[in-house]
Amino acid sequence: MKNVFKVLSLVIIITFVSCMGSYEEQAKKEMDKIENQVALDAEKQYEIAKKNGSDMDAYVHAGMVAAAYLQAEDEENYKKWKEIEKKAGKKVGL
């Protein structure tokens, strides 16, 4: 009977540990989706600022987009938006 209890306990522990890994993986995927959505929302805000605001507004929002891609660990888009920010900065004399 003790061996049955030990085996059953081991099965429960293994199941619990494997489920925890699955939850962590799912949480990571959800965070990645959220971070990417934040970056896309920042791009939309940049477009609005560029269209309706001043050159300084566009510059500031380009920096915000770059920061959002940095947070999302998207190096390619981060570089792209840093370049856009740099060009916008030149336009406002920075």
PDB file of N, CA and C in Angstrom:
ATOM      1  N   MET A   1       0.815  -1.192   0.000  1.00  0.00           N
ATOM      2  CA  MET A   1       0.000   0.000   0.000  1.00  0.00           C
ATOM      3  C   MET A   1       0.865   1.265   0.000  1.00  0.00           C
ATOM      4  N   LYS A   2       2.001   1.226   0.714  1.00  0.00           N
ATOM      5  CA  LYS A   2       2.894   2.375   0.753  1.00  0.00           C
ATOM      6  C   LYS A   2       3.457   2.665  -0.635  1.00  0.00           C
ATOM      7  N   ASN A   3       3.774   1.624  -1.396  1.00  0.00           N
ATOM      8  CA  ASN A   3       4.312   1.822  -2.744  1.00  0.00           C
ATOM      9  C   ASN A   3       3.277   2.456  -3.664  1.00  0.00           C
ATOM     10  N   VAL A   4       2.023   2.068  -3.513  1.00  0.00           N
ATOM     11  CA  VAL A   4       0.951   2.650  -4.321  1.00  0.00           C
ATOM     12  C   VAL A   4       0.841   4.144  -4.005  1.00  0.00           C
ATOM     13  N   PHE A   5       0.914   4.479  -2.730  1.00  0.00           N
ATOM     14  CA  PHE A   5       0.846   5.878  -2.321  1.00  0.00           C
ATOM     15  C   PHE A   5       2.027   6.668  -2.885  1.00  0.00           C
ATOM     16  N   LYS A   6       3.206   6.086  -2.860  1.00  0.00           N
ATOM     17  CA  LYS A   6       4.391   6.753  -3.400  1.00  0.00           C
ATOM     18  C   LYS A   6       4.253   6.974  -4.903  1.00  0.00           C
ATOM     19  N   VAL A   7       3.801   5.975  -5.625  1.00  0.00           N
ATOM     20  CA  VAL A   7       3.626   6.088  -7.079  1.00  0.00           C
ATOM     21  C   VAL A   7       2.566   7.132  -7.392  1.00  0.00           C
ATOM     22  N   LEU A   8       1.460   7.074  -6.674  1.00  0.00           N
ATOM     23  CA  LEU A   8       0.389   8.045  -6.890  1.00  0.00           C
ATOM     24  C   LEU A   8       0.871   9.464  -6.591  1.00  0.00           C
ATOM     25  N   SER A   9       1.627   9.634  -5.522  1.00  0.00           N
ATOM     26  CA  SER A   9       2.183  10.943  -5.184  1.00  0.00           C
ATOM     27  C   SER A   9       3.117  11.438  -6.277  1.00  0.00           C
ATOM     28  N   LEU A  10       3.940  10.543  -6.793  1.00  0.00           N
ATOM     29  CA  LEU A  10       4.875  10.906  -7.858  1.00  0.00           C
ATOM     30  C   LEU A  10       4.126  11.332  -9.116  1.00  0.00           C
ATOM     31  N   VAL A  11       3.074  10.620  -9.456  1.00  0.00           N
ATOM     32  CA  VAL A  11       2.267  10.971 -10.633  1.00  0.00           C
ATOM     33  C   VAL A  11       1.640  12.355 -10.457  1.00  0.00           C
ATOM     34  N   ILE A  12       1.135  12.624  -9.267  1.00  0.00           N
ATOM     35  CA  ILE A  12       0.522  13.927  -9.000  1.00  0.00           C
ATOM     36  C   ILE A  12       1.570  15.042  -9.110  1.00  0.00           C
ATOM     37  N   ILE A  13       2.727  14.829  -8.554  1.00  0.00           N
ATOM     38  CA  ILE A  13       3.797  15.826  -8.609  1.00  0.00           C
ATOM     39  C   ILE A  13       4.233  16.072 -10.050  1.00  0.00           C
ATOM     40  N   ILE A  14       4.421  15.031 -10.822  1.00  0.00           N
ATOM     41  CA  ILE A  14       4.834  15.170 -12.225  1.00  0.00           C
ATOM     42  C   ILE A  14       3.765  15.923 -13.017  1.00  0.00           C
ATOM     43  N   THR A  15       2.511  15.582 -12.784  1.00  0.00           N
ATOM     44  CA  THR A  15       1.413  16.266 -13.473  1.00  0.00           C
ATOM     45  C   THR A  15       1.389  17.749 -13.120  1.00  0.00           C
ATOM     46  N   PHE A  16       1.555  18.056 -11.840  1.00  0.00           N
ATOM     47  CA  PHE A  16       1.546  19.439 -11.380  1.00  0.00           C
ATOM     48  C   PHE A  16       2.689  20.234 -12.010  1.00  0.00           C
ATOM     49  N   VAL A  17       3.876  19.674 -12.005  1.00  0.00           N
ATOM     50  CA  VAL A  17       5.050  20.350 -12.566  1.00  0.00           C
ATOM     51  C   VAL A  17       4.874  20.575 -14.062  1.00  0.00           C
ATOM     52  N   SER A  18       4.364  19.590 -14.775  1.00  0.00           N
ATOM     53  CA  SER A  18       4.196  19.754 -16.217  1.00  0.00           C
ATOM     54  C   SER A  18       3.124  20.791 -16.530  1.00  0.00           C
ATOM     55  N   CYS A  19       2.088  20.868 -15.698  1.00  0.00           N
ATOM     56  CA  CYS A  19       1.051  21.888 -15.899  1.00  0.00           C
ATOM     57  C   CYS A  19       1.599  23.283 -15.644  1.00  0.00           C
ATOM     58  N   MET A  20       2.459  23.429 -14.641  1.00  0.00           N
ATOM     59  CA  MET A  20       3.050  24.737 -14.347  1.00  0.00           C
ATOM     60  C   MET A  20       3.867  25.238 -15.528  1.00  0.00           C
ATOM     61  N   GLY A  21       4.618  24.356 -16.150  1.00  0.00           N
ATOM     62  CA  GLY A  21       5.382  24.746 -17.332  1.00  0.00           C
ATOM     63  C   GLY A  21       4.473  25.209 -18.445  1.00  0.00           C
ATOM     64  N   SER A  22       3.375  24.540 -18.605  1.00  0.00           N
ATOM     65  CA  SER A  22       2.411  24.893 -19.638  1.00  0.00           C
ATOM     66  C   SER A  22       1.796  26.265 -19.356  1.00  0.00           C
ATOM     67  N   TYR A  23       1.474  26.538 -18.097  1.00  0.00           N
ATOM     68  CA  TYR A  23       0.912  27.840 -17.739  1.00  0.00           C
ATOM     69  C   TYR A  23       1.921  28.959 -17.981  1.00  0.00           C
ATOM     70  N   GLU A  24       3.171  28.720 -17.637  1.00  0.00           N
ATOM     71  CA  GLU A  24       4.199  29.728 -17.852  1.00  0.00           C
ATOM     72  C   GLU A  24       4.378  30.014 -19.338  1.00  0.00           C
ATOM     73  N   GLU A  25       4.349  28.958 -20.139  1.00  0.00           N
ATOM     74  CA  GLU A  25       4.495  29.124 -21.589  1.00  0.00           C
ATOM     75  C   GLU A  25       3.318  29.914 -22.150  1.00  0.00           C
ATOM     76  N   GLN A  26       2.121  29.598 -21.692  1.00  0.00           N
ATOM     77  CA  GLN A  26       0.928  30.307 -22.152  1.00  0.00           C
ATOM     78  C   GLN A  26       0.983  31.776 -21.728  1.00  0.00           C
ATOM     79  N   ALA A  27       1.422  32.025 -20.502  1.00  0.00           N
ATOM     80  CA  ALA A  27       1.533  33.407 -20.020  1.00  0.00           C
ATOM     81  C   ALA A  27       2.537  34.184 -20.860  1.00  0.00           C
ATOM     82  N   LYS A  28       3.652  33.567 -21.217  1.00  0.00           N
ATOM     83  CA  LYS A  28       4.670  34.217 -22.063  1.00  0.00           C
ATOM     84  C   LYS A  28       4.084  34.573 -23.420  1.00  0.00           C
ATOM     85  N   LYS A  29       3.334  33.636 -24.000  1.00  0.00           N
ATOM     86  CA  LYS A  29       2.705  33.902 -25.304  1.00  0.00           C
ATOM     87  C   LYS A  29       1.719  35.069 -25.214  1.00  0.00           C
ATOM     88  N   GLU A  30       0.946  35.100 -24.154  1.00  0.00           N
ATOM     89  CA  GLU A  30      -0.018  36.188 -23.979  1.00  0.00           C
ATOM     90  C   GLU A  30       0.694  37.528 -23.795  1.00  0.00           C
ATOM     91  N   MET A  31       1.770  37.540 -23.027  1.00  0.00           N
ATOM     92  CA  MET A  31       2.537  38.780 -22.847  1.00  0.00           C
ATOM     93  C   MET A  31       3.132  39.246 -24.173  1.00  0.00           C
ATOM     94  N   ASP A  32       3.641  38.317 -24.969  1.00  0.00           N
ATOM     95  CA  ASP A  32       4.181  38.674 -26.281  1.00  0.00           C
ATOM     96  C   ASP A  32       3.102  39.307 -27.152  1.00  0.00           C
ATOM     97  N   LYS A  33       1.899  38.728 -27.132  1.00  0.00           N
ATOM     98  CA  LYS A  33       0.798  39.281 -27.920  1.00  0.00           C
ATOM     99  C   LYS A  33       0.446  40.680 -27.450  1.00  0.00           C
ATOM    100  N   ILE A  34       0.407  40.866 -26.139  1.00  0.00           N
ATOM    101  CA  ILE A  34       0.067  42.176 -25.584  1.00  0.00           C
ATOM    102  C   ILE A  34       1.129  43.206 -25.956  1.00  0.00           C
ATOM    103  N   GLU A  35       2.400  42.840 -25.810  1.00  0.00           N
ATOM    104  CA  GLU A  35       3.483  43.775 -26.139  1.00  0.00           C
ATOM    105  C   GLU A  35       3.454  44.151 -27.613  1.00  0.00           C
ATOM    106  N   ASN A  36       3.170  43.189 -28.480  1.00  0.00           N
ATOM    107  CA  ASN A  36       3.077  43.487 -29.914  1.00  0.00           C
ATOM    108  C   ASN A  36       1.883  44.386 -30.206  1.00  0.00           C
ATOM    109  N   GLN A  37       0.768  44.158 -29.521  1.00  0.00           N
ATOM    110  CA  GLN A  37      -0.409  45.003 -29.728  1.00  0.00           C
ATOM    111  C   GLN A  37      -0.140  46.425 -29.245  1.00  0.00           C
ATOM    112  N   VAL A  38       0.572  46.561 -28.146  1.00  0.00           N
ATOM    113  CA  VAL A  38       0.938  47.895 -27.647  1.00  0.00           C
ATOM    114  C   VAL A  38       1.775  48.630 -28.693  1.00  0.00           C
ATOM    115  N   ALA A  39       2.717  47.928 -29.311  1.00  0.00           N
ATOM    116  CA  ALA A  39       3.566  48.547 -30.332  1.00  0.00           C
ATOM    117  C   ALA A  39       2.729  48.968 -31.541  1.00  0.00           C
ATOM    118  N   LEU A  40       1.805  48.116 -31.950  1.00  0.00           N
ATOM    119  CA  LEU A  40       0.941  48.472 -33.089  1.00  0.00           C
ATOM    120  C   LEU A  40       0.049  49.665 -32.750  1.00  0.00           C
ATOM    121  N   ASP A  41      -0.444  49.718 -31.524  1.00  0.00           N
ATOM    122  CA  ASP A  41      -1.247  50.870 -31.095  1.00  0.00           C
ATOM    123  C   ASP A  41      -0.394  52.138 -31.094  1.00  0.00           C
ATOM    124  N   ALA A  42       0.850  52.029 -30.677  1.00  0.00           N
ATOM    125  CA  ALA A  42       1.757  53.185 -30.686  1.00  0.00           C
ATOM    126  C   ALA A  42       1.994  53.678 -32.110  1.00  0.00           C
ATOM    127  N   GLU A  43       2.092  52.743 -33.051  1.00  0.00           N
ATOM    128  CA  GLU A  43       2.243  53.140 -34.463  1.00  0.00           C
ATOM    129  C   GLU A  43       1.025  53.936 -34.929  1.00  0.00           C
ATOM    130  N   LYS A  44      -0.170  53.487 -34.556  1.00  0.00           N
ATOM    131  CA  LYS A  44      -1.395  54.210 -34.939  1.00  0.00           C
ATOM    132  C   LYS A  44      -1.406  55.610 -34.337  1.00  0.00           C
ATOM    133  N   GLN A  45      -0.966  55.699 -33.080  1.00  0.00           N
ATOM    134  CA  GLN A  45      -0.902  57.009 -32.431  1.00  0.00           C
ATOM    135  C   GLN A  45       0.106  57.915 -33.126  1.00  0.00           C
ATOM    136  N   TYR A  46       1.219  57.352 -33.559  1.00  0.00           N
ATOM    137  CA  TYR A  46       2.223  58.122 -34.307  1.00  0.00           C
ATOM    138  C   TYR A  46       1.591  58.682 -35.581  1.00  0.00           C
ATOM    139  N   GLU A  47       0.868  57.844 -36.303  1.00  0.00           N
ATOM    140  CA  GLU A  47       0.251  58.289 -37.559  1.00  0.00           C
ATOM    141  C   GLU A  47      -0.724  59.433 -37.308  1.00  0.00           C
ATOM    142  N   ILE A  48      -1.488  59.344 -36.238  1.00  0.00           N
ATOM    143  CA  ILE A  48      -2.418  60.418 -35.889  1.00  0.00           C
ATOM    144  C   ILE A  48      -1.650  61.690 -35.547  1.00  0.00           C
ATOM    145  N   ALA A  49      -0.605  61.556 -34.748  1.00  0.00           N
ATOM    146  CA  ALA A  49       0.205  62.719 -34.360  1.00  0.00           C
ATOM    147  C   ALA A  49       0.884  63.336 -35.574  1.00  0.00           C
ATOM    148  N   LYS A  50       1.383  62.515 -36.458  1.00  0.00           N
ATOM    149  CA  LYS A  50       2.063  63.015 -37.659  1.00  0.00           C
ATOM    150  C   LYS A  50       1.076  63.758 -38.558  1.00  0.00           C
ATOM    151  N   LYS A  51      -0.118  63.218 -38.675  1.00  0.00           N
ATOM    152  CA  LYS A  51      -1.131  63.805 -39.559  1.00  0.00           C
ATOM    153  C   LYS A  51      -1.741  65.085 -38.977  1.00  0.00           C
ATOM    154  N   ASN A  52      -1.958  65.103 -37.665  1.00  0.00           N
ATOM    155  CA  ASN A  52      -2.723  66.193 -37.062  1.00  0.00           C
ATOM    156  C   ASN A  52      -1.938  67.082 -36.103  1.00  0.00           C
ATOM    157  N   GLY A  53      -0.747  66.653 -35.725  1.00  0.00           N
ATOM    158  CA  GLY A  53       0.009  67.415 -34.741  1.00  0.00           C
ATOM    159  C   GLY A  53       1.188  68.136 -35.369  1.00  0.00           C
ATOM    160  N   SER A  54       2.052  68.595 -34.520  1.00  0.00           N
ATOM    161  CA  SER A  54       3.247  69.298 -34.972  1.00  0.00           C
ATOM    162  C   SER A  54       4.351  68.293 -35.304  1.00  0.00           C
ATOM    163  N   ASP A  55       5.426  68.813 -35.878  1.00  0.00           N
ATOM    164  CA  ASP A  55       6.588  67.957 -36.139  1.00  0.00           C
ATOM    165  C   ASP A  55       7.156  67.402 -34.836  1.00  0.00           C
ATOM    166  N   MET A  56       7.089  68.192 -33.770  1.00  0.00           N
ATOM    167  CA  MET A  56       7.566  67.738 -32.470  1.00  0.00           C
ATOM    168  C   MET A  56       6.699  66.577 -31.956  1.00  0.00           C
ATOM    169  N   ASP A  57       5.395  66.660 -32.188  1.00  0.00           N
ATOM    170  CA  ASP A  57       4.506  65.558 -31.794  1.00  0.00           C
ATOM    171  C   ASP A  57       4.914  64.267 -32.507  1.00  0.00           C
ATOM    172  N   ALA A  58       5.186  64.378 -33.794  1.00  0.00           N
ATOM    173  CA  ALA A  58       5.589  63.202 -34.565  1.00  0.00           C
ATOM    174  C   ALA A  58       6.905  62.641 -34.031  1.00  0.00           C
ATOM    175  N   TYR A  59       7.833  63.518 -33.706  1.00  0.00           N
ATOM    176  CA  TYR A  59       9.119  63.093 -33.166  1.00  0.00           C
ATOM    177  C   TYR A  59       8.947  62.338 -31.847  1.00  0.00           C
ATOM    178  N   VAL A  60       8.160  62.901 -30.954  1.00  0.00           N
ATOM    179  CA  VAL A  60       7.939  62.284 -29.643  1.00  0.00           C
ATOM    180  C   VAL A  60       7.270  60.924 -29.805  1.00  0.00           C
ATOM    181  N   HIS A  61       6.278  60.852 -30.656  1.00  0.00           N
ATOM    182  CA  HIS A  61       5.557  59.589 -30.832  1.00  0.00           C
ATOM    183  C   HIS A  61       6.406  58.545 -31.550  1.00  0.00           C
ATOM    184  N   ALA A  62       7.285  58.959 -32.425  1.00  0.00           N
ATOM    185  CA  ALA A  62       8.197  57.998 -33.051  1.00  0.00           C
ATOM    186  C   ALA A  62       9.074  57.350 -31.987  1.00  0.00           C
ATOM    187  N   GLY A  63       9.511  58.146 -31.028  1.00  0.00           N
ATOM    188  CA  GLY A  63      10.290  57.605 -29.919  1.00  0.00           C
ATOM    189  C   GLY A  63       9.478  56.642 -29.070  1.00  0.00           C
ATOM    190  N   MET A  64       8.203  56.927 -28.911  1.00  0.00           N
ATOM    191  CA  MET A  64       7.336  56.042 -28.141  1.00  0.00           C
ATOM    192  C   MET A  64       7.139  54.701 -28.855  1.00  0.00           C
ATOM    193  N   VAL A  65       7.030  54.753 -30.182  1.00  0.00           N
ATOM    194  CA  VAL A  65       6.903  53.521 -30.956  1.00  0.00           C
ATOM    195  C   VAL A  65       8.180  52.694 -30.813  1.00  0.00           C
ATOM    196  N   ALA A  66       9.321  53.354 -30.937  1.00  0.00           N
ATOM    197  CA  ALA A  66      10.595  52.645 -30.782  1.00  0.00           C
ATOM    198  C   ALA A  66      10.673  51.993 -29.401  1.00  0.00           C
ATOM    199  N   ALA A  67      10.254  52.713 -28.379  1.00  0.00           N
ATOM    200  CA  ALA A  67      10.280  52.165 -27.016  1.00  0.00           C
ATOM    201  C   ALA A  67       9.351  50.962 -26.882  1.00  0.00           C
ATOM    202  N   ALA A  68       8.215  51.013 -27.544  1.00  0.00           N
ATOM    203  CA  ALA A  68       7.274  49.885 -27.490  1.00  0.00           C
ATOM    204  C   ALA A  68       7.881  48.648 -28.154  1.00  0.00           C
ATOM    205  N   TYR A  69       8.576  48.847 -29.267  1.00  0.00           N
ATOM    206  CA  TYR A  69       9.224  47.697 -29.920  1.00  0.00           C
ATOM    207  C   TYR A  69      10.416  47.190 -29.107  1.00  0.00           C
ATOM    208  N   LEU A  70      11.084  48.070 -28.410  1.00  0.00           N
ATOM    209  CA  LEU A  70      12.160  47.632 -27.512  1.00  0.00           C
ATOM    210  C   LEU A  70      11.575  46.755 -26.406  1.00  0.00           C
ATOM    211  N   GLN A  71      10.478  47.195 -25.829  1.00  0.00           N
ATOM    212  CA  GLN A  71       9.814  46.420 -24.776  1.00  0.00           C
ATOM    213  C   GLN A  71       9.376  45.054 -25.306  1.00  0.00           C
ATOM    214  N   ALA A  72       8.933  45.011 -26.566  1.00  0.00           N
ATOM    215  CA  ALA A  72       8.489  43.751 -27.181  1.00  0.00           C
ATOM    216  C   ALA A  72       9.665  42.899 -27.651  1.00  0.00           C
ATOM    217  N   GLU A  73      10.873  43.424 -27.496  1.00  0.00           N
ATOM    218  CA  GLU A  73      12.100  42.742 -27.923  1.00  0.00           C
ATOM    219  C   GLU A  73      12.077  42.425 -29.424  1.00  0.00           C
ATOM    220  N   ASP A  74      11.546  43.382 -30.198  1.00  0.00           N
ATOM    221  CA  ASP A  74      11.487  43.269 -31.658  1.00  0.00           C
ATOM    222  C   ASP A  74      12.578  44.183 -32.221  1.00  0.00           C
ATOM    223  N   GLU A  75      13.760  43.614 -32.391  1.00  0.00           N
ATOM    224  CA  GLU A  75      14.927  44.410 -32.774  1.00  0.00           C
ATOM    225  C   GLU A  75      14.773  45.054 -34.155  1.00  0.00           C
ATOM    226  N   GLU A  76      14.209  44.325 -35.093  1.00  0.00           N
ATOM    227  CA  GLU A  76      14.064  44.855 -36.453  1.00  0.00           C
ATOM    228  C   GLU A  76      13.193  46.113 -36.473  1.00  0.00           C
ATOM    229  N   ASN A  77      12.033  46.051 -35.851  1.00  0.00           N
ATOM    230  CA  ASN A  77      11.155  47.218 -35.822  1.00  0.00           C
ATOM    231  C   ASN A  77      11.709  48.322 -34.927  1.00  0.00           C
ATOM    232  N   TYR A  78      12.425  47.945 -33.872  1.00  0.00           N
ATOM    233  CA  TYR A  78      13.060  48.944 -33.018  1.00  0.00           C
ATOM    234  C   TYR A  78      14.037  49.780 -33.840  1.00  0.00           C
ATOM    235  N   LYS A  79      14.885  49.130 -34.615  1.00  0.00           N
ATOM    236  CA  LYS A  79      15.853  49.859 -35.457  1.00  0.00           C
ATOM    237  C   LYS A  79      15.136  50.757 -36.462  1.00  0.00           C
ATOM    238  N   LYS A  80      14.094  50.219 -37.071  1.00  0.00           N
ATOM    239  CA  LYS A  80      13.318  50.987 -38.056  1.00  0.00           C
ATOM    240  C   LYS A  80      12.766  52.264 -37.421  1.00  0.00           C
ATOM    241  N   TRP A  81      12.185  52.135 -36.222  1.00  0.00           N
ATOM    242  CA  TRP A  81      11.568  53.288 -35.596  1.00  0.00           C
ATOM    243  C   TRP A  81      12.583  54.247 -34.993  1.00  0.00           C
ATOM    244  N   LYS A  82      13.738  53.755 -34.608  1.00  0.00           N
ATOM    245  CA  LYS A  82      14.800  54.665 -34.161  1.00  0.00           C
ATOM    246  C   LYS A  82      15.245  55.539 -35.337  1.00  0.00           C
ATOM    247  N   GLU A  83      15.292  54.966 -36.517  1.00  0.00           N
ATOM    248  CA  GLU A  83      15.654  55.745 -37.712  1.00  0.00           C
ATOM    249  C   GLU A  83      14.566  56.782 -38.021  1.00  0.00           C
ATOM    250  N   ILE A  84      13.310  56.388 -37.909  1.00  0.00           N
ATOM    251  CA  ILE A  84      12.206  57.332 -38.118  1.00  0.00           C
ATOM    252  C   ILE A  84      12.281  58.450 -37.082  1.00  0.00           C
ATOM    253  N   GLU A  85      12.567  58.091 -35.835  1.00  0.00           N
ATOM    254  CA  GLU A  85      12.705  59.087 -34.767  1.00  0.00           C
ATOM    255  C   GLU A  85      13.860  60.037 -35.085  1.00  0.00           C
ATOM    256  N   LYS A  86      14.963  59.496 -35.559  1.00  0.00           N
ATOM    257  CA  LYS A  86      16.132  60.317 -35.886  1.00  0.00           C
ATOM    258  C   LYS A  86      15.806  61.327 -36.998  1.00  0.00           C
ATOM    259  N   LYS A  87      15.110  60.874 -38.037  1.00  0.00           N
ATOM    260  CA  LYS A  87      14.718  61.764 -39.127  1.00  0.00           C
ATOM    261  C   LYS A  87      13.747  62.836 -38.641  1.00  0.00           C
ATOM    262  N   ALA A  88      12.807  62.427 -37.790  1.00  0.00           N
ATOM    263  CA  ALA A  88      11.851  63.396 -37.242  1.00  0.00           C
ATOM    264  C   ALA A  88      12.570  64.402 -36.346  1.00  0.00           C
ATOM    265  N   GLY A  89      13.581  63.938 -35.635  1.00  0.00           N
ATOM    266  CA  GLY A  89      14.372  64.830 -34.775  1.00  0.00           C
ATOM    267  C   GLY A  89      15.115  65.885 -35.585  1.00  0.00           C
ATOM    268  N   LYS A  90      15.655  65.479 -36.712  1.00  0.00           N
ATOM    269  CA  LYS A  90      16.331  66.453 -37.583  1.00  0.00           C
ATOM    270  C   LYS A  90      15.354  67.500 -38.086  1.00  0.00           C
ATOM    271  N   LYS A  91      14.124  67.070 -38.329  1.00  0.00           N
ATOM    272  CA  LYS A  91      13.101  67.983 -38.845  1.00  0.00           C
ATOM    273  C   LYS A  91      12.759  69.075 -37.826  1.00  0.00           C
ATOM    274  N   VAL A  92      12.922  68.751 -36.533  1.00  0.00           N
ATOM    275  CA  VAL A  92      12.630  69.747 -35.496  1.00  0.00           C
ATOM    276  C   VAL A  92      13.892  70.381 -34.938  1.00  0.00           C
ATOM    277  N   GLY A  93      15.023  70.099 -35.569  1.00  0.00           N
ATOM    278  CA  GLY A  93      16.264  70.747 -35.191  1.00  0.00           C
ATOM    279  C   GLY A  93      17.031  70.056 -34.077  1.00  0.00           C
ATOM    280  N   LEU A  94      16.799  68.779 -33.882  1.00  0.00           N
ATOM    281  CA  LEU A  94      17.545  68.052 -32.841  1.00  0.00           C
ATOM    282  C   LEU A  94      18.613  67.170 -33.460  1.00  0.00           C
TER     283      LEU A  94
END
